[in-house]
Amino acid sequence: MPGHFETPEQRQECQLETCLQFERYCRRATACIFTLTTALRLLGVDWDPAASVTSMPRLHADALQTVVDHRNNKGRDRHALARPGTKRVAPTAVFVSSIPIETVEIAEGITCTTPEFTWFMFSRFLGLKDLVILGDAMMRRNTLHEPLTLDGFADLIARVECRAHRNGIRPPKGITQCRKALELMEEHTDSVMETILRLTLECYGLPRPVVNLPVRLPDERLIFLDLAFPEAMVAVEYDGSHHSEQWAQDSLRRFAIEASGWAYVQVIGLGFITDADKRHVAELVGRLIRERTGKHYFLNTPLPLERVPDRRREAWKARPSGVVFAS
């Protein structure tokens, strides 16, 4: 049930059952195409948009969002009705797509929009930051859906723009937001908070960190740094856990990283809540980079996220590939 903590697997299982039940009693001649919040849950995407769509009831998790082609007659949103002898059927919210809908079959008889198309559908409703968070969540290292890449999102945008150009019409609403988000998104992240931490550092003028940089320690262990500035050898990692066993493991990990010559900044959940907290973290990382490279990046006033791609330094383009070997 929406409203309490669920894992992506639990959300997927619960949503699949609801959609199967809905299809059994749906009066449409063809199967529905689920989208938006419903599609996120069916796909098992590890991001809950609840806090971002509070003022938009049609996008709430207790409703089923479906999408139809603009040539179809748009059905009316329906309230949940309890038919005699059945369980209560969820309310529906129907959306219209002006471009060809891209779909994937989740289970027999259950179809939803692809992850990339679902992301595009959300661009009309989410702010830039949330759209980046959603895109990152879809490109995690471990997902319940097929692995995605930045190229996949770029290809979708290209298809949408090409079709609009070919037909002599304006691209659909949200495409500009998608282009901006694509410049800020990263593959292989591990959590929403890691994305927020990365965006915070960039808003304060710091170079874009490398995500999950592989580093070979002197003892031959291979580790992955959440966020890394290789030129300065500064590592930044987010830790939202508070278990003593995890703290012990993290301490040993930190010792090994610092012993290899890296400066290490551990950001804990309780220390990354307020704007002052976030400024403090960015200032600390900026100071470490300056001390190790002589380059000053930190901005006293953070940039709006929309301006970050325009202010990237030339140094941001030099991003290492492969494994970094610690000395």
Protein backbone atom coordinates (compact mmCIF):
# COMPACT_ATOMS: atom_id res chain seq x y z
CA MET A 1 0.00 0.00 0.00
CA PRO A 2 1.37 3.44 -0.89
CA GLY A 3 2.20 5.63 2.08
CA HIS A 4 4.72 3.47 3.94
CA PHE A 5 8.26 2.39 3.12
CA GLU A 6 8.48 -0.23 0.40
CA THR A 7 11.46 -1.68 -1.41
CA PRO A 8 11.44 -1.46 -5.23
CA GLU A 9 10.66 -5.19 -5.31
CA GLN A 10 7.67 -4.73 -3.00
CA ARG A 11 6.39 -1.75 -4.98
CA GLN A 12 6.70 -3.71 -8.20
CA GLU A 13 4.88 -6.76 -6.84
CA CYS A 14 2.08 -4.69 -5.32
CA GLN A 15 1.62 -2.57 -8.45
CA LEU A 16 1.61 -5.59 -10.73
CA GLU A 17 -1.21 -7.18 -8.74
CA THR A 18 -3.24 -3.95 -8.85
CA CYS A 19 -2.75 -3.61 -12.60
CA LEU A 20 -3.66 -7.23 -13.24
CA GLN A 21 -6.84 -6.75 -11.24
CA PHE A 22 -7.61 -3.56 -13.14
CA GLU A 23 -7.12 -5.22 -16.52
CA ARG A 24 -9.55 -7.98 -15.57
CA TYR A 25 -12.33 -5.44 -15.10
CA CYS A 26 -11.22 -2.82 -17.64
CA ARG A 27 -13.79 -2.13 -20.35
CA ARG A 28 -11.23 -1.15 -23.01
CA ALA A 29 -11.00 -3.32 -26.10
CA THR A 30 -7.21 -3.23 -25.91
CA ALA A 31 -4.85 -3.49 -22.96
CA CYS A 32 -4.03 -0.30 -21.11
CA ILE A 33 -0.60 1.31 -21.29
CA PHE A 34 0.42 2.32 -17.79
CA THR A 35 2.72 5.30 -17.33
CA LEU A 36 4.17 7.86 -14.91
CA THR A 37 4.03 6.79 -11.23
CA THR A 38 2.35 3.48 -12.08
CA ALA A 39 5.07 2.70 -14.62
CA LEU A 40 7.84 3.57 -12.15
CA ARG A 41 6.43 1.05 -9.71
CA LEU A 42 5.93 -1.62 -12.38
CA LEU A 43 9.50 -1.12 -13.60
CA GLY A 44 10.88 -1.29 -10.06
CA VAL A 45 12.63 2.08 -10.30
CA ASP A 46 14.21 2.94 -6.95
CA TRP A 47 12.68 6.40 -6.58
CA ASP A 48 9.35 7.37 -5.06
CA PRO A 49 7.98 10.61 -6.56
CA ALA A 50 5.43 11.09 -3.75
CA ALA A 51 7.09 14.18 -2.24
CA SER A 52 7.43 15.79 -5.67
CA VAL A 53 3.81 15.31 -6.80
CA THR A 54 1.98 16.09 -3.56
CA SER A 55 -0.03 18.85 -5.24
CA MET A 56 -0.87 16.66 -8.27
CA PRO A 57 -3.40 14.00 -7.18
CA ARG A 58 -3.53 12.47 -10.67
CA LEU A 59 0.10 11.37 -10.19
CA HIS A 60 -0.36 9.85 -6.74
CA ALA A 61 0.50 6.18 -6.27
CA ASP A 62 -3.06 5.25 -5.29
CA ALA A 63 -4.23 6.11 -8.82
CA LEU A 64 -3.42 4.20 -12.00
CA GLN A 65 -1.95 6.45 -14.68
CA THR A 66 -2.53 5.34 -18.28
CA VAL A 67 -1.58 6.97 -21.56
CA VAL A 68 -3.33 6.93 -24.95
CA ASP A 69 -2.28 8.11 -28.38
CA HIS A 70 -3.60 11.55 -29.33
CA ARG A 71 -5.64 9.91 -32.11
CA ASN A 72 -7.58 7.88 -29.56
CA ASN A 73 -10.49 9.29 -27.66
CA LYS A 74 -9.23 10.32 -24.25
CA GLY A 75 -11.25 8.57 -21.60
CA ARG A 76 -12.30 10.41 -18.50
CA ASP A 77 -10.51 9.93 -15.22
CA ARG A 78 -12.51 7.48 -13.14
CA HIS A 79 -13.02 7.24 -9.42
CA ALA A 80 -12.53 3.89 -7.73
CA LEU A 81 -15.73 1.89 -7.84
CA ALA A 82 -16.42 -1.32 -5.98
CA ARG A 83 -18.23 -3.71 -8.29
CA PRO A 84 -20.41 -6.37 -6.64
CA GLY A 85 -18.35 -9.36 -5.61
CA THR A 86 -15.00 -7.76 -6.44
CA LYS A 87 -12.29 -5.82 -4.71
CA ARG A 88 -12.28 -2.06 -5.08
CA VAL A 89 -10.76 -1.03 -8.41
CA ALA A 90 -8.22 1.79 -8.29
CA PRO A 91 -9.07 5.24 -9.70
CA THR A 92 -7.52 6.04 -13.07
CA ALA A 93 -5.93 9.13 -14.58
CA VAL A 94 -5.68 9.19 -18.37
CA PHE A 95 -2.94 11.13 -20.18
CA VAL A 96 -2.51 11.82 -23.89
CA SER A 97 0.74 11.53 -25.82
CA SER A 98 1.24 13.54 -29.00
CA ILE A 99 4.14 11.30 -30.05
CA PRO A 100 4.34 7.53 -30.61
CA ILE A 101 4.27 5.76 -27.26
CA GLU A 102 7.23 3.49 -26.51
CA THR A 103 6.26 0.50 -24.39
CA VAL A 104 7.58 -2.60 -22.66
CA GLU A 105 5.64 -5.66 -21.47
CA ILE A 106 6.23 -6.19 -17.75
CA ALA A 107 4.21 -9.38 -17.46
CA GLU A 108 1.70 -11.18 -19.63
CA GLY A 109 -1.08 -8.69 -20.31
CA ILE A 110 0.60 -5.80 -18.48
CA THR A 111 2.26 -3.10 -20.57
CA CYS A 112 3.78 0.21 -19.51
CA THR A 113 5.89 2.93 -21.03
CA THR A 114 9.62 2.24 -21.27
CA PRO A 115 11.84 3.77 -18.57
CA GLU A 116 13.11 6.46 -20.97
CA PHE A 117 9.60 7.33 -22.18
CA THR A 118 8.33 7.39 -18.60
CA TRP A 119 11.13 9.85 -17.77
CA PHE A 120 10.06 11.97 -20.74
CA MET A 121 6.42 11.89 -19.59
CA PHE A 122 7.49 13.13 -16.15
CA SER A 123 9.35 16.12 -17.65
CA ARG A 124 6.07 18.06 -17.81
CA PHE A 125 5.48 17.68 -14.10
CA LEU A 126 8.86 17.57 -12.33
CA GLY A 127 11.40 20.29 -11.66
CA LEU A 128 14.89 19.93 -13.12
CA LYS A 129 16.43 18.51 -9.95
CA ASP A 130 13.83 15.77 -9.61
CA LEU A 131 14.09 14.91 -13.30
CA VAL A 132 17.85 14.43 -12.88
CA ILE A 133 17.27 12.32 -9.76
CA LEU A 134 14.79 10.15 -11.68
CA GLY A 135 17.16 9.73 -14.62
CA ASP A 136 20.01 8.75 -12.30
CA ALA A 137 17.76 6.25 -10.50
CA MET A 138 16.93 4.60 -13.83
CA MET A 139 20.65 4.17 -14.62
CA ARG A 140 21.70 2.58 -11.33
CA ARG A 141 24.18 -0.26 -11.39
CA ASN A 142 21.54 -2.67 -10.07
CA THR A 143 18.02 -2.24 -11.43
CA LEU A 144 14.98 -4.47 -11.84
CA HIS A 145 14.60 -3.33 -15.46
CA GLU A 146 17.06 -3.54 -18.33
CA PRO A 147 20.26 -1.49 -17.84
CA LEU A 148 20.02 2.03 -19.25
CA THR A 149 22.64 4.50 -20.47
CA LEU A 150 22.81 8.22 -21.17
CA ASP A 151 22.84 7.36 -24.86
CA GLY A 152 19.41 5.77 -24.50
CA PHE A 153 17.94 8.98 -23.11
CA ALA A 154 19.74 11.06 -25.75
CA ASP A 155 18.36 8.81 -28.50
CA LEU A 156 14.82 9.29 -27.20
CA ILE A 157 15.22 13.08 -27.22
CA ALA A 158 16.63 12.90 -30.77
CA ARG A 159 13.67 10.80 -31.97
CA VAL A 160 11.18 13.23 -30.47
CA GLU A 161 12.90 16.29 -31.95
CA CYS A 162 13.42 14.64 -35.34
CA ARG A 163 9.75 13.74 -35.58
CA ALA A 164 8.70 17.29 -34.69
CA HIS A 165 11.08 18.73 -37.28
CA ARG A 166 9.91 16.28 -39.95
CA ASN A 167 6.27 17.19 -39.34
CA GLY A 168 6.93 20.92 -39.11
CA ILE A 169 5.65 21.20 -35.55
CA ARG A 170 7.11 22.31 -32.24
CA PRO A 171 8.59 19.58 -30.03
CA PRO A 172 6.26 18.56 -27.19
CA LYS A 173 6.29 20.30 -23.85
CA GLY A 174 9.07 19.08 -21.59
CA ILE A 175 11.71 18.44 -24.25
CA THR A 176 13.78 21.47 -23.20
CA GLN A 177 13.70 20.27 -19.59
CA CYS A 178 14.84 16.84 -20.79
CA ARG A 179 17.85 18.30 -22.61
CA LYS A 180 18.90 20.22 -19.49
CA ALA A 181 18.47 17.16 -17.27
CA LEU A 182 20.48 14.97 -19.63
CA GLU A 183 23.52 17.23 -19.20
CA LEU A 184 23.35 16.74 -15.43
CA MET A 185 22.56 13.03 -15.24
CA GLU A 186 25.10 10.29 -14.49
CA GLU A 187 25.21 6.53 -14.99
CA HIS A 188 25.91 3.97 -12.25
CA THR A 189 24.94 5.98 -9.19
CA ASP A 190 23.90 4.20 -6.00
CA SER A 191 21.32 6.41 -4.29
CA VAL A 192 19.18 9.52 -4.49
CA MET A 193 21.31 11.21 -1.82
CA GLU A 194 24.46 10.54 -3.83
CA THR A 195 22.85 12.38 -6.75
CA ILE A 196 21.80 15.28 -4.52
CA LEU A 197 25.33 15.47 -3.07
CA ARG A 198 26.85 15.59 -6.55
CA LEU A 199 24.46 18.31 -7.73
CA THR A 200 25.14 20.33 -4.58
CA LEU A 201 28.88 20.29 -5.20
CA GLU A 202 28.37 21.37 -8.81
CA CYS A 203 26.02 24.20 -7.82
CA TYR A 204 28.81 25.55 -5.61
CA GLY A 205 31.11 25.69 -8.63
CA LEU A 206 33.15 22.54 -8.02
CA PRO A 207 34.21 20.36 -10.97
CA ARG A 208 31.88 17.52 -11.80
CA PRO A 209 33.09 14.53 -9.78
CA VAL A 210 33.57 11.11 -11.32
CA VAL A 211 30.90 8.67 -10.15
CA ASN A 212 31.98 5.30 -8.76
CA LEU A 213 35.62 5.67 -9.78
CA PRO A 214 37.44 2.31 -9.52
CA VAL A 215 40.64 2.60 -7.47
CA ARG A 216 43.19 -0.19 -6.98
CA LEU A 217 44.70 0.06 -3.51
CA PRO A 218 48.34 -0.90 -2.81
CA ASP A 219 47.14 -4.20 -1.28
CA GLU A 220 45.50 -4.99 -4.66
CA ARG A 221 41.95 -4.48 -3.40
CA LEU A 222 39.63 -2.83 -5.91
CA ILE A 223 37.24 -0.27 -4.45
CA PHE A 224 34.78 2.18 -5.97
CA LEU A 225 34.62 5.76 -4.72
CA ASP A 226 31.12 7.28 -4.70
CA LEU A 227 32.33 10.67 -5.95
CA ALA A 228 35.95 11.39 -6.82
CA PHE A 229 38.09 14.29 -7.99
CA PRO A 230 41.05 12.31 -9.41
CA GLU A 231 43.32 15.28 -10.17
CA ALA A 232 43.16 16.38 -6.53
CA MET A 233 42.77 12.84 -5.18
CA VAL A 234 39.76 13.89 -3.12
CA ALA A 235 37.02 11.32 -2.45
CA VAL A 236 33.52 12.18 -1.22
CA GLU A 237 31.09 9.52 -0.06
CA TYR A 238 27.58 9.64 1.35
CA ASP A 239 26.64 7.38 4.23
CA GLY A 240 23.08 7.36 5.47
CA SER A 241 23.47 4.30 7.72
CA HIS A 242 23.88 4.42 11.47
CA HIS A 243 24.60 0.79 12.34
CA SER A 244 27.71 0.20 14.44
CA GLU A 245 28.83 -2.70 12.24
CA GLN A 246 28.63 -0.50 9.16
CA TRP A 247 30.53 2.29 10.91
CA ALA A 248 33.34 -0.15 11.72
CA GLN A 249 33.58 -1.31 8.11
CA ASP A 250 33.48 2.29 6.86
CA SER A 251 36.28 3.27 9.24
CA LEU A 252 38.54 0.51 7.91
CA ARG A 253 37.67 1.49 4.34
CA ARG A 254 38.41 5.14 5.05
CA PHE A 255 41.76 4.29 6.63
CA ALA A 256 42.81 2.32 3.54
CA ILE A 257 41.75 5.14 1.20
CA GLU A 258 43.55 7.85 3.18
CA ALA A 259 46.65 5.67 3.54
CA SER A 260 46.76 5.55 -0.26
CA GLY A 261 47.07 9.33 -0.51
CA TRP A 262 43.45 10.33 -0.99
CA ALA A 263 41.73 13.01 1.08
CA TYR A 264 38.44 11.53 2.24
CA VAL A 265 35.19 13.36 3.05
CA GLN A 266 32.41 11.29 4.56
CA VAL A 267 28.99 12.94 4.41
CA ILE A 268 26.43 11.49 6.83
CA GLY A 269 22.69 11.92 6.52
CA LEU A 270 22.27 13.98 9.68
CA GLY A 271 24.98 16.36 8.51
CA PHE A 272 23.49 17.02 5.09
CA ILE A 273 20.01 18.37 5.75
CA THR A 274 19.99 22.17 5.86
CA ASP A 275 21.34 24.63 3.30
CA ALA A 276 24.06 25.50 5.82
CA ASP A 277 25.03 21.81 6.04
CA LYS A 278 25.32 21.56 2.27
CA ARG A 279 27.37 24.74 2.00
CA HIS A 280 29.73 23.44 4.70
CA VAL A 281 30.31 20.19 2.80
CA ALA A 282 30.91 21.98 -0.52
CA GLU A 283 33.27 24.46 1.14
CA LEU A 284 35.27 21.64 2.74
CA VAL A 285 35.61 19.76 -0.54
CA GLY A 286 36.51 22.97 -2.37
CA ARG A 287 39.21 23.75 0.18
CA LEU A 288 40.75 20.29 -0.16
CA ILE A 289 40.83 20.62 -3.95
CA ARG A 290 42.46 24.05 -3.67
CA GLU A 291 45.09 22.80 -1.21
CA ARG A 292 45.99 19.88 -3.48
CA THR A 293 45.85 21.55 -6.90
CA GLY A 294 46.05 25.30 -6.29
CA LYS A 295 42.77 25.71 -8.18
CA HIS A 296 39.93 27.67 -6.58
CA TYR A 297 36.44 26.60 -7.60
CA PHE A 298 34.16 27.24 -4.62
CA LEU A 299 31.45 29.87 -5.13
CA ASN A 300 30.10 31.75 -2.11
CA THR A 301 26.68 31.92 -3.75
CA PRO A 302 25.46 28.65 -5.27
CA LEU A 303 24.36 28.65 -8.88
CA PRO A 304 20.79 27.76 -9.84
CA LEU A 305 20.89 24.18 -11.11
CA GLU A 306 19.77 25.38 -14.55
CA ARG A 307 23.04 27.31 -14.94
CA VAL A 308 25.41 24.54 -13.92
CA PRO A 309 25.94 23.06 -17.41
CA ASP A 310 26.80 26.52 -18.77
CA ARG A 311 29.44 27.15 -16.10
CA ARG A 312 31.41 23.94 -16.37
CA ARG A 313 35.15 24.44 -16.35
CA GLU A 314 37.35 23.05 -19.12
CA ALA A 315 38.87 20.78 -16.48
CA TRP A 316 35.55 19.03 -16.10
CA LYS A 317 35.93 17.54 -19.58
CA ALA A 318 39.07 15.59 -18.66
CA ARG A 319 37.47 12.63 -16.95
CA PRO A 320 39.54 9.48 -16.44
CA SER A 321 38.46 6.08 -17.61
CA GLY A 322 39.53 2.74 -16.24
CA VAL A 323 41.09 2.01 -12.88
CA VAL A 324 43.11 4.57 -10.93
CA PHE A 325 46.08 3.05 -9.10
CA ALA A 326 46.81 4.49 -5.68
CA SER A 327 50.44 5.11 -4.83
